[in-house]
C-alpha cells in the first residue's frame, strides 16, 4: 500500500505541476486491493489507511488536492475505519501535533496518525465487499 501510494502520488504531482497526463482540474479513480507487509510488531490500521497516510507525504503543500482511500465494506484491517481522507494540509497538521509519519508508517500504525489528523473515514458496515477504491481530486 505504501509503495502504490508513492506511485499514485507521483502521478498527482505530475498533473499538478505539469498538467500531464491530464489537465487540472480532474479526478482520478482507481480500484483494486493493496497489501501491507508486516514484519514484527504492528500498530493499528489497514492497507487503505496506510495508503492514505503514505500519500499525504506526496501531496503535502499541493493546495486543492485531496485523496480518499477506502474499503467498500466499511472496515479496513482490524479497525472501525473504512480508510482515510487526506489533503494537502494533513502532513502539516500531523507535524504540528508531534506525530512522526515515517515512524507511524514503519510501525504500521496509520490508524492513530489519521485519527489525530481527523482523517479517518468512518462509514460503518456497508454489507458489501466489492473492492478498495481510491479517489483523488486535483484542482
C-alpha atoms as a PDB file:
ATOM      1  CA  UNK A   1       0.000   0.000   0.000  1.00  0.00           C
ATOM      2  CA  UNK A   2       2.768   2.416   0.947  1.00  0.00           C
ATOM      3  CA  UNK A   3       4.623   1.950  -2.354  1.00  0.00           C
ATOM      4  CA  UNK A   4       1.474   2.169  -4.506  1.00  0.00           C
ATOM      5  CA  UNK A   5       0.628   5.431  -2.718  1.00  0.00           C
ATOM      6  CA  UNK A   6       4.021   6.845  -3.656  1.00  0.00           C
ATOM      7  CA  UNK A   7       3.479   5.929  -7.323  1.00  0.00           C
ATOM      8  CA  UNK A   8      -0.083   7.307  -7.316  1.00  0.00           C
ATOM      9  CA  UNK A   9       1.178  10.446  -5.596  1.00  0.00           C
ATOM     10  CA  UNK A  10       3.786  10.901  -8.319  1.00  0.00           C
ATOM     11  CA  UNK A  11       1.015  10.892 -10.935  1.00  0.00           C
ATOM     12  CA  UNK A  12      -0.822  13.543  -8.904  1.00  0.00           C
ATOM     13  CA  UNK A  13       2.337  15.665  -8.721  1.00  0.00           C
ATOM     14  CA  UNK A  14       2.813  15.374 -12.496  1.00  0.00           C
ATOM     15  CA  UNK A  15      -0.758  16.543 -13.103  1.00  0.00           C
ATOM     16  CA  UNK A  16      -0.478  19.320 -10.531  1.00  0.00           C
ATOM     17  CA  UNK A  17       2.835  20.748 -11.765  1.00  0.00           C
ATOM     18  CA  UNK A  18       2.892  19.846 -15.481  1.00  0.00           C
ATOM     19  CA  UNK A  19      -0.733  19.108 -16.391  1.00  0.00           C
ATOM     20  CA  UNK A  20       0.123  15.710 -17.790  1.00  0.00           C
ATOM     21  CA  UNK A  21      -1.125  13.085 -18.430  1.00  0.00           C
ATOM     22  CA  UNK A  22      -4.291  15.078 -17.573  1.00  0.00           C
ATOM     23  CA  UNK A  23      -5.018  18.779 -17.240  1.00  0.00           C
ATOM     24  CA  UNK A  24      -6.154  20.301 -13.965  1.00  0.00           C
ATOM     25  CA  UNK A  25      -8.879  20.184 -12.656  1.00  0.00           C
ATOM     26  CA  UNK A  26      -9.501  16.448 -12.680  1.00  0.00           C
ATOM     27  CA  UNK A  27     -10.472  13.435 -10.632  1.00  0.00           C
ATOM     28  CA  UNK A  28      -8.531  10.172 -10.651  1.00  0.00           C
ATOM     29  CA  UNK A  29     -10.323   6.965  -9.684  1.00  0.00           C
ATOM     30  CA  UNK A  30      -8.576   3.664  -9.064  1.00  0.00           C
ATOM     31  CA  UNK A  31      -9.715   0.326  -7.706  1.00  0.00           C
ATOM     32  CA  UNK A  32      -8.032  -2.810  -6.523  1.00  0.00           C
ATOM     33  CA  UNK A  33      -6.580  -4.283  -3.383  1.00  0.00           C
ATOM     34  CA  UNK A  34      -3.214  -3.326  -1.948  1.00  0.00           C
ATOM     35  CA  UNK A  35      -1.465  -5.183   0.844  1.00  0.00           C
ATOM     36  CA  UNK A  36       0.639  -4.370   3.863  1.00  0.00           C
ATOM     37  CA  UNK A  37       3.680  -6.498   4.599  1.00  0.00           C
ATOM     38  CA  UNK A  38       4.114  -6.673   8.352  1.00  0.00           C
ATOM     39  CA  UNK A  39       7.412  -7.694   9.884  1.00  0.00           C
ATOM     40  CA  UNK A  40       7.440  -7.856  13.666  1.00  0.00           C
ATOM     41  CA  UNK A  41       5.072  -5.845  15.841  1.00  0.00           C
ATOM     42  CA  UNK A  42       2.365  -3.828  14.136  1.00  0.00           C
ATOM     43  CA  UNK A  43       0.171  -0.970  15.200  1.00  0.00           C
ATOM     44  CA  UNK A  44      -3.387  -0.425  14.079  1.00  0.00           C
ATOM     45  CA  UNK A  45      -4.604   0.190  10.556  1.00  0.00           C
ATOM     46  CA  UNK A  46      -5.199  -1.428   7.212  1.00  0.00           C
ATOM     47  CA  UNK A  47      -3.979  -1.048   3.644  1.00  0.00           C
ATOM     48  CA  UNK A  48      -6.235   1.905   2.820  1.00  0.00           C
ATOM     49  CA  UNK A  49      -5.203   3.779   5.941  1.00  0.00           C
ATOM     50  CA  UNK A  50      -1.555   3.082   5.172  1.00  0.00           C
ATOM     51  CA  UNK A  51      -2.128   4.255   1.584  1.00  0.00           C
ATOM     52  CA  UNK A  52      -3.759   7.480   2.830  1.00  0.00           C
ATOM     53  CA  UNK A  53      -1.004   8.236   5.330  1.00  0.00           C
ATOM     54  CA  UNK A  54       1.710   7.485   2.790  1.00  0.00           C
ATOM     55  CA  UNK A  55       0.201   9.634   0.039  1.00  0.00           C
ATOM     56  CA  UNK A  56      -0.215  12.522   2.489  1.00  0.00           C
ATOM     57  CA  UNK A  57       3.565  12.925   2.219  1.00  0.00           C
ATOM     58  CA  UNK A  58       3.403  13.235  -1.585  1.00  0.00           C
ATOM     59  CA  UNK A  59       0.534  15.734  -1.725  1.00  0.00           C
ATOM     60  CA  UNK A  60       1.751  17.948   1.125  1.00  0.00           C
ATOM     61  CA  UNK A  61       1.536  21.574   0.040  1.00  0.00           C
ATOM     62  CA  UNK A  62      -0.366  20.856  -3.204  1.00  0.00           C
ATOM     63  CA  UNK A  63      -3.284  23.149  -2.479  1.00  0.00           C
ATOM     64  CA  UNK A  64      -6.575  21.864  -3.843  1.00  0.00           C
ATOM     65  CA  UNK A  65      -5.564  18.193  -3.718  1.00  0.00           C
ATOM     66  CA  UNK A  66      -7.364  15.566  -1.643  1.00  0.00           C
ATOM     67  CA  UNK A  67      -7.221  11.764  -1.709  1.00  0.00           C
ATOM     68  CA  UNK A  68      -9.710   9.247  -0.355  1.00  0.00           C
ATOM     69  CA  UNK A  69      -8.627   5.627   0.138  1.00  0.00           C
ATOM     70  CA  UNK A  70     -11.356   3.291   1.375  1.00  0.00           C
ATOM     71  CA  UNK A  71     -12.564  -0.276   1.502  1.00  0.00           C
ATOM     72  CA  UNK A  72     -16.128  -0.663   0.269  1.00  0.00           C
ATOM     73  CA  UNK A  73     -17.126  -2.957   3.144  1.00  0.00           C
ATOM     74  CA  UNK A  74     -16.656  -0.146   5.658  1.00  0.00           C
ATOM     75  CA  UNK A  75     -13.749  -1.676   7.534  1.00  0.00           C
ATOM     76  CA  UNK A  76     -10.050  -1.568   6.756  1.00  0.00           C
ATOM     77  CA  UNK A  77      -7.869  -4.067   8.548  1.00  0.00           C
ATOM     78  CA  UNK A  78      -8.876  -4.780  12.144  1.00  0.00           C
ATOM     79  CA  UNK A  79     -10.392  -1.323  12.654  1.00  0.00           C
ATOM     80  CA  UNK A  80     -13.695   0.531  12.628  1.00  0.00           C
ATOM     81  CA  UNK A  81     -12.466   2.813   9.837  1.00  0.00           C
ATOM     82  CA  UNK A  82     -13.080   2.214   6.135  1.00  0.00           C
ATOM     83  CA  UNK A  83      -9.911   4.132   5.260  1.00  0.00           C
ATOM     84  CA  UNK A  84      -8.629   7.678   5.229  1.00  0.00           C
ATOM     85  CA  UNK A  85      -9.237  11.052   3.612  1.00  0.00           C
ATOM     86  CA  UNK A  86      -6.155  13.268   3.386  1.00  0.00           C
ATOM     87  CA  UNK A  87      -5.371  16.573   1.733  1.00  0.00           C
ATOM     88  CA  UNK A  88      -2.525  18.980   1.166  1.00  0.00           C
ATOM     89  CA  UNK A  89      -2.617  20.055   4.844  1.00  0.00           C
ATOM     90  CA  UNK A  90      -2.675  16.638   6.548  1.00  0.00           C
ATOM     91  CA  UNK A  91       1.094  16.217   6.831  1.00  0.00           C
ATOM     92  CA  UNK A  92       1.482  19.724   8.258  1.00  0.00           C
ATOM     93  CA  UNK A  93      -1.285  19.043  10.793  1.00  0.00           C
ATOM     94  CA  UNK A  94       0.427  15.855  11.928  1.00  0.00           C
ATOM     95  CA  UNK A  95       3.799  17.572  12.274  1.00  0.00           C
ATOM     96  CA  UNK A  96       2.203  20.353  14.344  1.00  0.00           C
ATOM     97  CA  UNK A  97       0.763  17.680  16.655  1.00  0.00           C
ATOM     98  CA  UNK A  98       4.123  15.973  17.069  1.00  0.00           C
ATOM     99  CA  UNK A  99       3.258  12.878  15.009  1.00  0.00           C
ATOM    100  CA  UNK A 100       6.192  11.305  13.157  1.00  0.00           C
ATOM    101  CA  UNK A 101       4.592   9.997   9.966  1.00  0.00           C
ATOM    102  CA  UNK A 102       7.628   7.946   8.983  1.00  0.00           C
ATOM    103  CA  UNK A 103       7.588   6.162  12.346  1.00  0.00           C
ATOM    104  CA  UNK A 104       3.838   5.546  12.069  1.00  0.00           C
ATOM    105  CA  UNK A 105       4.302   4.012   8.630  1.00  0.00           C
ATOM    106  CA  UNK A 106       7.245   1.914   9.785  1.00  0.00           C
ATOM    107  CA  UNK A 107       5.166   0.626  12.730  1.00  0.00           C
ATOM    108  CA  UNK A 108       2.079   0.142  10.518  1.00  0.00           C
ATOM    109  CA  UNK A 109       0.165   2.456  12.853  1.00  0.00           C
ATOM    110  CA  UNK A 110      -1.677   4.610  10.332  1.00  0.00           C
ATOM    111  CA  UNK A 111      -4.936   4.480  12.289  1.00  0.00           C
ATOM    112  CA  UNK A 112      -3.602   6.526  15.208  1.00  0.00           C
ATOM    113  CA  UNK A 113      -1.970   9.112  12.932  1.00  0.00           C
ATOM    114  CA  UNK A 114      -5.097   9.553  10.800  1.00  0.00           C
ATOM    115  CA  UNK A 115      -7.229   9.730  13.929  1.00  0.00           C
ATOM    116  CA  UNK A 116      -5.018  12.544  15.252  1.00  0.00           C
ATOM    117  CA  UNK A 117      -5.469  14.430  11.961  1.00  0.00           C
ATOM    118  CA  UNK A 118      -9.245  13.811  11.938  1.00  0.00           C
ATOM    119  CA  UNK A 119      -8.695  11.991   8.645  1.00  0.00           C
ATOM    120  CA  UNK A 120     -10.247   8.587   9.348  1.00  0.00           C
ATOM    121  CA  UNK A 121     -13.217   7.610   7.206  1.00  0.00           C
ATOM    122  CA  UNK A 122     -15.857   6.039   9.450  1.00  0.00           C
ATOM    123  CA  UNK A 123     -18.811   4.667   7.482  1.00  0.00           C
ATOM    124  CA  UNK A 124     -19.929   1.682   9.496  1.00  0.00           C
ATOM    125  CA  UNK A 125     -20.523  -1.681   7.870  1.00  0.00           C
ATOM    126  CA  UNK A 126     -21.845  -1.408   4.321  1.00  0.00           C
ATOM    127  CA  UNK A 127     -22.705  -5.104   3.888  1.00  0.00           C
ATOM    128  CA  UNK A 128     -20.812  -5.186   0.615  1.00  0.00           C
ATOM    129  CA  UNK A 129     -17.226  -6.007  -0.235  1.00  0.00           C
ATOM    130  CA  UNK A 130     -16.588  -5.053  -3.817  1.00  0.00           C
ATOM    131  CA  UNK A 131     -13.120  -3.544  -3.732  1.00  0.00           C
ATOM    132  CA  UNK A 132     -10.929  -0.851  -2.358  1.00  0.00           C
ATOM    133  CA  UNK A 133     -11.308   2.495  -4.088  1.00  0.00           C
ATOM    134  CA  UNK A 134      -9.005   5.478  -4.382  1.00  0.00           C
ATOM    135  CA  UNK A 135     -10.371   8.860  -5.426  1.00  0.00           C
ATOM    136  CA  UNK A 136      -8.075  11.849  -5.922  1.00  0.00           C
ATOM    137  CA  UNK A 137      -9.361  15.348  -6.585  1.00  0.00           C
ATOM    138  CA  UNK A 138      -6.848  17.724  -8.162  1.00  0.00           C
ATOM    139  CA  UNK A 139      -7.999  21.321  -8.572  1.00  0.00           C
END
